Amino acid sequence: MAEFLITCVKKDEHGVVVQVGIDNNIYEVEKIADEIWNNKNSYFINAMGIRVKVFAFRHPQTNKPYLSTSSNVKFPNSLNFIPKCI
């Protein structure tokens, strides 16, 4: 299993992360979530010098995949604080 660093995100009009940047390429959240669930690849971000693992979940109401750095909804998702992809 390979590991990849997510360096930036693109959000929709509601502030939801819909794409992520890896090695100067942009990927849909659905593709990254599928690779996590199928143990094909793992992903992480760099948060103030600390390596933070990225997890994939399904929204309980819409069933759409989303990415988060925390499995606890009470803790902030560090993906919301990395730079926007250009």
N, C-alpha and C. Protein backbone atom coordinates (compact mmCIF):
# COMPACT_ATOMS: atom_id res chain seq x y z
N MET A 1 0.85 -1.17 0.00
CA MET A 1 0.00 0.00 0.00
C MET A 1 0.90 1.24 0.00
N ALA A 2 0.63 2.14 -0.92
CA ALA A 2 1.39 3.39 -1.00
C ALA A 2 0.73 4.45 -0.13
N GLU A 3 1.54 5.42 0.31
CA GLU A 3 1.04 6.54 1.10
C GLU A 3 1.27 7.83 0.32
N PHE A 4 0.29 8.73 0.36
CA PHE A 4 0.38 9.97 -0.38
C PHE A 4 0.03 11.16 0.50
N LEU A 5 0.72 12.26 0.26
CA LEU A 5 0.50 13.51 0.99
C LEU A 5 -0.51 14.36 0.24
N ILE A 6 -1.60 14.70 0.90
CA ILE A 6 -2.58 15.65 0.36
C ILE A 6 -2.09 17.05 0.71
N THR A 7 -1.89 17.88 -0.30
CA THR A 7 -1.29 19.20 -0.08
C THR A 7 -2.27 20.35 -0.19
N CYS A 8 -3.44 20.12 -0.81
CA CYS A 8 -4.41 21.19 -0.95
C CYS A 8 -5.80 20.60 -1.16
N VAL A 9 -6.82 21.44 -1.04
CA VAL A 9 -8.21 21.00 -1.21
C VAL A 9 -8.99 22.00 -2.06
N LYS A 10 -10.04 21.51 -2.71
CA LYS A 10 -11.02 22.36 -3.37
C LYS A 10 -12.35 22.09 -2.69
N LYS A 11 -13.07 23.17 -2.38
CA LYS A 11 -14.36 23.05 -1.69
C LYS A 11 -15.49 23.52 -2.59
N ASP A 12 -16.70 23.02 -2.33
CA ASP A 12 -17.87 23.50 -3.06
C ASP A 12 -18.39 24.78 -2.40
N GLU A 13 -19.51 25.26 -2.87
CA GLU A 13 -20.08 26.52 -2.37
C GLU A 13 -20.52 26.43 -0.91
N HIS A 14 -20.63 25.22 -0.37
CA HIS A 14 -21.02 25.03 1.03
C HIS A 14 -19.82 24.79 1.95
N GLY A 15 -18.61 24.82 1.37
CA GLY A 15 -17.40 24.62 2.16
C GLY A 15 -17.04 23.16 2.36
N VAL A 16 -17.66 22.28 1.60
CA VAL A 16 -17.39 20.85 1.69
C VAL A 16 -16.23 20.51 0.74
N VAL A 17 -15.26 19.76 1.23
CA VAL A 17 -14.12 19.35 0.41
C VAL A 17 -14.62 18.37 -0.65
N VAL A 18 -14.42 18.70 -1.93
CA VAL A 18 -14.87 17.84 -3.02
C VAL A 18 -13.72 17.28 -3.84
N GLN A 19 -12.55 17.93 -3.75
CA GLN A 19 -11.36 17.46 -4.46
C GLN A 19 -10.14 17.71 -3.58
N VAL A 20 -9.09 16.90 -3.81
CA VAL A 20 -7.85 17.08 -3.08
C VAL A 20 -6.68 17.08 -4.06
N GLY A 21 -5.62 17.79 -3.67
CA GLY A 21 -4.42 17.86 -4.48
C GLY A 21 -3.33 16.95 -3.95
N ILE A 22 -2.76 16.13 -4.87
CA ILE A 22 -1.68 15.21 -4.53
C ILE A 22 -0.68 15.24 -5.68
N ASP A 23 0.57 15.56 -5.39
CA ASP A 23 1.62 15.57 -6.42
C ASP A 23 1.22 16.36 -7.67
N ASN A 24 0.72 17.57 -7.46
CA ASN A 24 0.33 18.47 -8.56
C ASN A 24 -0.81 17.94 -9.43
N ASN A 25 -1.59 17.00 -8.91
CA ASN A 25 -2.78 16.50 -9.58
C ASN A 25 -3.97 16.68 -8.66
N ILE A 26 -5.16 16.81 -9.24
CA ILE A 26 -6.39 16.98 -8.47
C ILE A 26 -7.23 15.71 -8.61
N TYR A 27 -7.74 15.21 -7.48
CA TYR A 27 -8.54 13.98 -7.45
C TYR A 27 -9.86 14.23 -6.74
N GLU A 28 -10.89 13.54 -7.21
CA GLU A 28 -12.20 13.61 -6.57
C GLU A 28 -12.16 12.88 -5.23
N VAL A 29 -12.92 13.38 -4.27
CA VAL A 29 -13.01 12.75 -2.95
C VAL A 29 -13.48 11.30 -3.08
N GLU A 30 -14.40 11.03 -3.99
CA GLU A 30 -14.92 9.68 -4.16
C GLU A 30 -13.80 8.69 -4.50
N LYS A 31 -12.88 9.09 -5.37
CA LYS A 31 -11.77 8.21 -5.77
C LYS A 31 -10.85 7.93 -4.59
N ILE A 32 -10.52 8.97 -3.83
CA ILE A 32 -9.63 8.80 -2.68
C ILE A 32 -10.31 7.93 -1.62
N ALA A 33 -11.58 8.18 -1.35
CA ALA A 33 -12.32 7.37 -0.37
C ALA A 33 -12.33 5.90 -0.78
N ASP A 34 -12.59 5.63 -2.06
CA ASP A 34 -12.62 4.25 -2.55
C ASP A 34 -11.26 3.58 -2.36
N GLU A 35 -10.18 4.29 -2.62
CA GLU A 35 -8.84 3.71 -2.44
C GLU A 35 -8.54 3.44 -0.97
N ILE A 36 -9.04 4.28 -0.08
CA ILE A 36 -8.85 4.04 1.36
C ILE A 36 -9.65 2.81 1.79
N TRP A 37 -10.92 2.76 1.40
CA TRP A 37 -11.79 1.64 1.80
C TRP A 37 -11.30 0.31 1.25
N ASN A 38 -10.67 0.32 0.07
CA ASN A 38 -10.19 -0.92 -0.55
C ASN A 38 -8.73 -1.20 -0.21
N ASN A 39 -8.18 -0.46 0.73
CA ASN A 39 -6.79 -0.64 1.18
C ASN A 39 -5.78 -0.58 0.03
N LYS A 40 -6.11 0.21 -0.98
CA LYS A 40 -5.20 0.37 -2.11
C LYS A 40 -4.10 1.37 -1.76
N ASN A 41 -4.49 2.50 -1.17
CA ASN A 41 -3.55 3.55 -0.77
C ASN A 41 -4.00 4.16 0.54
N SER A 42 -3.07 4.84 1.21
CA SER A 42 -3.43 5.62 2.39
C SER A 42 -2.97 7.05 2.16
N TYR A 43 -3.59 7.96 2.89
CA TYR A 43 -3.35 9.39 2.67
C TYR A 43 -3.13 10.09 4.00
N PHE A 44 -2.39 11.18 3.94
CA PHE A 44 -2.13 11.97 5.13
C PHE A 44 -1.93 13.42 4.74
N ILE A 45 -1.97 14.28 5.74
CA ILE A 45 -1.64 15.70 5.55
C ILE A 45 -0.54 16.06 6.53
N ASN A 46 0.05 17.20 6.30
CA ASN A 46 1.04 17.74 7.21
C ASN A 46 0.40 18.92 7.93
N ALA A 47 0.12 18.76 9.21
CA ALA A 47 -0.52 19.81 10.01
C ALA A 47 0.50 20.35 11.01
N MET A 48 1.07 21.50 10.69
CA MET A 48 2.07 22.15 11.56
C MET A 48 3.22 21.19 11.87
N GLY A 49 3.68 20.48 10.85
CA GLY A 49 4.80 19.57 11.01
C GLY A 49 4.45 18.20 11.53
N ILE A 50 3.18 17.95 11.78
CA ILE A 50 2.74 16.65 12.30
C ILE A 50 2.00 15.90 11.19
N ARG A 51 2.38 14.66 10.99
CA ARG A 51 1.73 13.81 9.98
C ARG A 51 0.38 13.35 10.54
N VAL A 52 -0.70 13.65 9.81
CA VAL A 52 -2.04 13.33 10.27
C VAL A 52 -2.73 12.46 9.22
N LYS A 53 -3.18 11.28 9.63
CA LYS A 53 -3.83 10.33 8.72
C LYS A 53 -5.20 10.84 8.28
N VAL A 54 -5.56 10.54 7.04
CA VAL A 54 -6.86 10.90 6.48
C VAL A 54 -7.72 9.65 6.42
N PHE A 55 -8.96 9.76 6.89
CA PHE A 55 -9.93 8.66 6.90
C PHE A 55 -11.05 8.96 5.92
N ALA A 56 -11.74 7.92 5.46
CA ALA A 56 -12.89 8.08 4.58
C ALA A 56 -14.15 7.60 5.31
N PHE A 57 -15.22 8.38 5.16
CA PHE A 57 -16.51 8.07 5.79
C PHE A 57 -17.62 8.31 4.78
N ARG A 58 -18.82 7.87 5.15
CA ARG A 58 -20.03 8.20 4.37
C ARG A 58 -20.93 9.07 5.25
N HIS A 59 -21.44 10.11 4.63
CA HIS A 59 -22.35 11.01 5.35
C HIS A 59 -23.60 10.22 5.74
N PRO A 60 -24.05 10.32 6.99
CA PRO A 60 -25.18 9.49 7.44
C PRO A 60 -26.50 9.79 6.74
N GLN A 61 -26.67 11.01 6.22
CA GLN A 61 -27.93 11.34 5.56
C GLN A 61 -27.86 11.20 4.04
N THR A 62 -26.75 11.64 3.44
CA THR A 62 -26.66 11.61 1.97
C THR A 62 -25.95 10.37 1.44
N ASN A 63 -25.22 9.67 2.30
CA ASN A 63 -24.42 8.51 1.93
C ASN A 63 -23.25 8.85 1.01
N LYS A 64 -22.97 10.14 0.84
CA LYS A 64 -21.84 10.55 0.00
C LYS A 64 -20.54 10.39 0.79
N PRO A 65 -19.48 9.97 0.10
CA PRO A 65 -18.19 9.84 0.80
C PRO A 65 -17.60 11.20 1.13
N TYR A 66 -16.90 11.26 2.25
CA TYR A 66 -16.14 12.46 2.60
C TYR A 66 -14.88 12.04 3.33
N LEU A 67 -13.92 12.94 3.36
CA LEU A 67 -12.64 12.68 4.00
C LEU A 67 -12.51 13.50 5.27
N SER A 68 -11.85 12.95 6.25
CA SER A 68 -11.63 13.65 7.52
C SER A 68 -10.35 13.15 8.18
N THR A 69 -9.78 14.00 8.98
CA THR A 69 -8.60 13.60 9.74
C THR A 69 -8.98 13.12 11.13
N SER A 70 -10.26 13.12 11.43
CA SER A 70 -10.73 12.69 12.75
C SER A 70 -11.94 11.80 12.60
N SER A 71 -11.99 10.74 13.38
CA SER A 71 -13.17 9.88 13.39
C SER A 71 -14.21 10.36 14.39
N ASN A 72 -13.88 11.43 15.13
CA ASN A 72 -14.78 12.00 16.13
C ASN A 72 -15.27 13.34 15.62
N VAL A 73 -16.58 13.48 15.42
CA VAL A 73 -17.14 14.72 14.87
C VAL A 73 -16.93 15.92 15.79
N LYS A 74 -16.57 15.70 17.05
CA LYS A 74 -16.33 16.80 17.98
C LYS A 74 -14.97 17.46 17.76
N PHE A 75 -14.06 16.77 17.05
CA PHE A 75 -12.74 17.33 16.78
C PHE A 75 -12.71 17.92 15.38
N PRO A 76 -11.93 18.98 15.18
CA PRO A 76 -11.90 19.61 13.86
C PRO A 76 -11.23 18.71 12.80
N ASN A 77 -11.68 18.87 11.58
CA ASN A 77 -11.11 18.17 10.44
C ASN A 77 -9.97 19.04 9.90
N SER A 78 -8.75 18.59 10.04
CA SER A 78 -7.59 19.38 9.62
C SER A 78 -7.54 19.62 8.12
N LEU A 79 -8.28 18.86 7.33
CA LEU A 79 -8.35 19.13 5.89
C LEU A 79 -8.93 20.51 5.61
N ASN A 80 -9.74 21.02 6.52
CA ASN A 80 -10.35 22.33 6.34
C ASN A 80 -9.33 23.47 6.48
N PHE A 81 -8.14 23.16 6.94
CA PHE A 81 -7.17 24.21 7.22
C PHE A 81 -5.93 24.16 6.34
N ILE A 82 -5.89 23.23 5.38
CA ILE A 82 -4.75 23.23 4.45
C ILE A 82 -5.09 24.13 3.26
N PRO A 83 -4.09 24.54 2.48
CA PRO A 83 -4.34 25.51 1.40
C PRO A 83 -5.34 25.03 0.35
N LYS A 84 -5.92 26.01 -0.32
CA LYS A 84 -6.82 25.72 -1.45
C LYS A 84 -5.98 25.39 -2.67
N CYS A 85 -6.45 24.41 -3.44
CA CYS A 85 -5.79 24.09 -4.71
C CYS A 85 -6.11 25.20 -5.72
N ILE A 86 -5.16 25.46 -6.55
CA ILE A 86 -5.36 26.51 -7.58
C ILE A 86 -5.80 25.89 -8.87
